[in-house]
Amino acid sequence: MKERKRILVGRVLSNRMDKTVVVQVVRHKRHRLYGKVINTRTKFKAHDAENTCQIGDLVKIVESRPLSREKRWAVTEILESV
């Protein structure tokens, strides 16, 4: 059976590295006891082969094989460009 890869959407925070971008993903989670919605932010390093992403772009990233020590995601498309 083929496994499904996770897909996340986030904003590009940094594009200073070669062929790598840092993407911040915001998830909304409800507190167990109080019910307040809490925003959790996570940073992922993603592979950007053509160096096309700019800071502030909204991108879709997909889980991939390990490309380096910290890079396990790849940019599939730019949803919104700044």
N, C-alpha and C. Protein backbone atom coordinates (compact mmCIF):
# COMPACT_ATOMS: atom_id res chain seq x y z
N MET A 1 0.85 -1.18 0.00
CA MET A 1 0.00 0.00 0.00
C MET A 1 0.89 1.24 0.00
N LYS A 2 0.57 2.18 -0.84
CA LYS A 2 1.37 3.40 -0.95
C LYS A 2 0.94 4.39 0.13
N GLU A 3 1.94 4.94 0.82
CA GLU A 3 1.63 5.89 1.87
C GLU A 3 1.39 7.28 1.30
N ARG A 4 0.54 8.04 1.98
CA ARG A 4 0.25 9.40 1.55
C ARG A 4 1.20 10.37 2.24
N LYS A 5 1.71 11.32 1.48
CA LYS A 5 2.64 12.30 2.03
C LYS A 5 1.86 13.48 2.59
N ARG A 6 2.36 14.04 3.68
CA ARG A 6 1.70 15.18 4.30
C ARG A 6 1.92 16.43 3.46
N ILE A 7 0.90 17.26 3.39
CA ILE A 7 0.97 18.53 2.65
C ILE A 7 0.61 19.65 3.62
N LEU A 8 1.45 20.69 3.67
CA LEU A 8 1.21 21.82 4.55
C LEU A 8 1.31 23.11 3.75
N VAL A 9 0.68 24.16 4.26
CA VAL A 9 0.72 25.48 3.63
C VAL A 9 1.28 26.46 4.64
N GLY A 10 2.25 27.29 4.19
CA GLY A 10 2.85 28.26 5.10
C GLY A 10 3.51 29.41 4.36
N ARG A 11 4.04 30.35 5.14
CA ARG A 11 4.71 31.54 4.60
C ARG A 11 6.22 31.37 4.65
N VAL A 12 6.89 31.90 3.64
CA VAL A 12 8.35 31.86 3.58
C VAL A 12 8.91 32.94 4.50
N LEU A 13 9.76 32.54 5.44
CA LEU A 13 10.39 33.49 6.36
C LEU A 13 11.78 33.89 5.89
N SER A 14 12.50 32.95 5.27
CA SER A 14 13.87 33.21 4.87
C SER A 14 14.18 32.44 3.59
N ASN A 15 14.94 33.09 2.70
CA ASN A 15 15.40 32.43 1.47
C ASN A 15 16.90 32.67 1.26
N ARG A 16 17.64 32.86 2.33
CA ARG A 16 19.07 33.18 2.23
C ARG A 16 19.94 32.00 1.84
N MET A 17 19.48 30.79 2.17
CA MET A 17 20.28 29.61 1.84
C MET A 17 20.08 29.23 0.37
N ASP A 18 21.05 28.52 -0.18
CA ASP A 18 20.95 28.10 -1.57
C ASP A 18 20.03 26.89 -1.68
N LYS A 19 18.99 27.02 -2.50
CA LYS A 19 18.01 25.95 -2.76
C LYS A 19 17.25 25.51 -1.51
N THR A 20 17.17 26.38 -0.51
CA THR A 20 16.45 26.07 0.72
C THR A 20 15.68 27.30 1.19
N VAL A 21 14.46 27.09 1.66
CA VAL A 21 13.67 28.16 2.26
C VAL A 21 13.18 27.70 3.63
N VAL A 22 12.97 28.67 4.52
CA VAL A 22 12.39 28.38 5.82
C VAL A 22 10.92 28.79 5.75
N VAL A 23 10.03 27.84 6.03
CA VAL A 23 8.59 28.06 5.91
C VAL A 23 7.97 27.95 7.29
N GLN A 24 7.14 28.94 7.65
CA GLN A 24 6.43 28.91 8.92
C GLN A 24 4.99 28.47 8.68
N VAL A 25 4.58 27.41 9.36
CA VAL A 25 3.23 26.87 9.23
C VAL A 25 2.47 27.18 10.51
N VAL A 26 1.30 27.81 10.37
CA VAL A 26 0.46 28.15 11.53
C VAL A 26 -0.70 27.16 11.57
N ARG A 27 -0.85 26.50 12.73
CA ARG A 27 -1.95 25.56 12.92
C ARG A 27 -2.83 26.08 14.06
N HIS A 28 -4.13 25.85 13.95
CA HIS A 28 -5.08 26.27 14.97
C HIS A 28 -5.49 25.06 15.79
N LYS A 29 -5.36 25.18 17.11
CA LYS A 29 -5.66 24.08 17.99
C LYS A 29 -6.54 24.58 19.12
N ARG A 30 -7.53 23.81 19.49
CA ARG A 30 -8.42 24.21 20.58
C ARG A 30 -7.88 23.66 21.91
N HIS A 31 -7.87 24.52 22.93
CA HIS A 31 -7.41 24.11 24.26
C HIS A 31 -8.37 23.08 24.83
N ARG A 32 -7.82 22.02 25.44
CA ARG A 32 -8.66 20.92 25.92
C ARG A 32 -9.67 21.35 26.97
N LEU A 33 -9.24 22.15 27.95
CA LEU A 33 -10.11 22.51 29.06
C LEU A 33 -10.91 23.78 28.79
N TYR A 34 -10.26 24.81 28.31
CA TYR A 34 -10.90 26.12 28.20
C TYR A 34 -11.54 26.38 26.85
N GLY A 35 -11.16 25.65 25.83
CA GLY A 35 -11.80 25.80 24.52
C GLY A 35 -11.29 26.95 23.69
N LYS A 36 -10.31 27.71 24.20
CA LYS A 36 -9.77 28.83 23.43
C LYS A 36 -8.93 28.29 22.27
N VAL A 37 -9.02 28.95 21.11
CA VAL A 37 -8.25 28.56 19.95
C VAL A 37 -6.84 29.13 20.08
N ILE A 38 -5.85 28.25 20.01
CA ILE A 38 -4.44 28.63 20.16
C ILE A 38 -3.74 28.41 18.83
N ASN A 39 -2.96 29.41 18.40
CA ASN A 39 -2.17 29.29 17.18
C ASN A 39 -0.80 28.72 17.52
N THR A 40 -0.45 27.61 16.88
CA THR A 40 0.88 27.05 17.06
C THR A 40 1.66 27.27 15.77
N ARG A 41 2.90 27.75 15.92
CA ARG A 41 3.74 28.04 14.77
C ARG A 41 4.91 27.08 14.74
N THR A 42 5.18 26.51 13.56
CA THR A 42 6.29 25.59 13.38
C THR A 42 7.08 26.01 12.16
N LYS A 43 8.42 25.94 12.27
CA LYS A 43 9.27 26.28 11.13
C LYS A 43 9.80 25.01 10.50
N PHE A 44 9.74 24.94 9.17
CA PHE A 44 10.26 23.82 8.41
C PHE A 44 11.24 24.33 7.38
N LYS A 45 12.32 23.57 7.16
CA LYS A 45 13.24 23.88 6.06
C LYS A 45 12.79 23.06 4.87
N ALA A 46 12.58 23.72 3.74
CA ALA A 46 12.05 23.04 2.56
C ALA A 46 12.97 23.28 1.36
N HIS A 47 13.02 22.29 0.47
CA HIS A 47 13.86 22.34 -0.72
C HIS A 47 13.17 23.17 -1.79
N ASP A 48 13.89 24.17 -2.31
CA ASP A 48 13.40 25.03 -3.40
C ASP A 48 14.45 24.97 -4.50
N ALA A 49 14.28 24.06 -5.45
CA ALA A 49 15.33 23.74 -6.43
C ALA A 49 15.71 24.92 -7.30
N GLU A 50 14.75 25.75 -7.72
CA GLU A 50 15.04 26.85 -8.64
C GLU A 50 15.26 28.19 -7.95
N ASN A 51 15.23 28.22 -6.62
CA ASN A 51 15.35 29.47 -5.86
C ASN A 51 14.31 30.50 -6.30
N THR A 52 13.07 30.08 -6.46
CA THR A 52 12.02 30.98 -6.94
C THR A 52 11.24 31.65 -5.81
N CYS A 53 11.27 31.11 -4.62
CA CYS A 53 10.48 31.65 -3.51
C CYS A 53 11.10 32.93 -2.97
N GLN A 54 10.23 33.88 -2.65
CA GLN A 54 10.65 35.13 -2.03
C GLN A 54 10.07 35.20 -0.62
N ILE A 55 10.63 36.08 0.21
CA ILE A 55 10.14 36.23 1.58
C ILE A 55 8.71 36.75 1.54
N GLY A 56 7.82 36.10 2.29
CA GLY A 56 6.41 36.49 2.35
C GLY A 56 5.50 35.70 1.44
N ASP A 57 6.06 34.87 0.56
CA ASP A 57 5.23 34.05 -0.34
C ASP A 57 4.48 32.98 0.45
N LEU A 58 3.27 32.68 0.00
CA LEU A 58 2.49 31.58 0.56
C LEU A 58 2.77 30.36 -0.31
N VAL A 59 3.31 29.30 0.30
CA VAL A 59 3.73 28.13 -0.47
C VAL A 59 3.11 26.86 0.09
N LYS A 60 3.04 25.86 -0.78
CA LYS A 60 2.59 24.53 -0.39
C LYS A 60 3.82 23.64 -0.35
N ILE A 61 4.03 22.96 0.80
CA ILE A 61 5.18 22.06 0.93
C ILE A 61 4.68 20.64 1.15
N VAL A 62 5.48 19.69 0.66
CA VAL A 62 5.11 18.28 0.77
C VAL A 62 6.27 17.52 1.42
N GLU A 63 5.94 16.51 2.19
CA GLU A 63 6.93 15.69 2.86
C GLU A 63 7.75 14.92 1.83
N SER A 64 9.07 14.83 2.05
CA SER A 64 9.92 14.12 1.10
C SER A 64 10.99 13.35 1.87
N ARG A 65 11.85 12.69 1.14
CA ARG A 65 12.95 11.96 1.77
C ARG A 65 13.92 12.95 2.39
N PRO A 66 14.74 12.55 3.34
CA PRO A 66 15.71 13.47 3.92
C PRO A 66 16.74 13.95 2.89
N LEU A 67 16.79 15.26 2.69
CA LEU A 67 17.72 15.85 1.72
C LEU A 67 18.99 16.37 2.41
N SER A 68 18.90 16.67 3.69
CA SER A 68 20.05 17.07 4.49
C SER A 68 19.71 16.77 5.95
N ARG A 69 20.50 17.31 6.86
CA ARG A 69 20.28 16.99 8.27
C ARG A 69 18.92 17.49 8.76
N GLU A 70 18.48 18.65 8.28
CA GLU A 70 17.23 19.24 8.77
C GLU A 70 16.15 19.36 7.70
N LYS A 71 16.48 19.07 6.45
CA LYS A 71 15.55 19.31 5.34
C LYS A 71 14.81 18.03 4.98
N ARG A 72 13.49 18.00 5.26
CA ARG A 72 12.66 16.84 4.94
C ARG A 72 11.40 17.23 4.18
N TRP A 73 11.34 18.45 3.68
CA TRP A 73 10.17 18.95 2.96
C TRP A 73 10.62 19.56 1.64
N ALA A 74 9.69 19.65 0.68
CA ALA A 74 9.99 20.24 -0.62
C ALA A 74 8.84 21.15 -1.02
N VAL A 75 9.18 22.29 -1.62
CA VAL A 75 8.15 23.24 -2.10
C VAL A 75 7.57 22.68 -3.40
N THR A 76 6.24 22.55 -3.44
CA THR A 76 5.60 22.05 -4.66
C THR A 76 5.05 23.18 -5.51
N GLU A 77 4.46 24.19 -4.87
CA GLU A 77 3.95 25.32 -5.65
C GLU A 77 3.87 26.57 -4.79
N ILE A 78 3.90 27.71 -5.48
CA ILE A 78 3.74 29.02 -4.82
C ILE A 78 2.29 29.42 -5.01
N LEU A 79 1.56 29.52 -3.90
CA LEU A 79 0.13 29.83 -3.98
C LEU A 79 -0.13 31.32 -4.12
N GLU A 80 0.69 32.12 -3.43
CA GLU A 80 0.51 33.58 -3.46
C GLU A 80 1.88 34.21 -3.44
N SER A 81 2.16 35.06 -4.40
CA SER A 81 3.47 35.71 -4.48
C SER A 81 3.36 37.15 -4.03
N VAL A 82 4.41 37.63 -3.39
CA VAL A 82 4.41 39.02 -2.89
C VAL A 82 5.00 39.94 -3.92
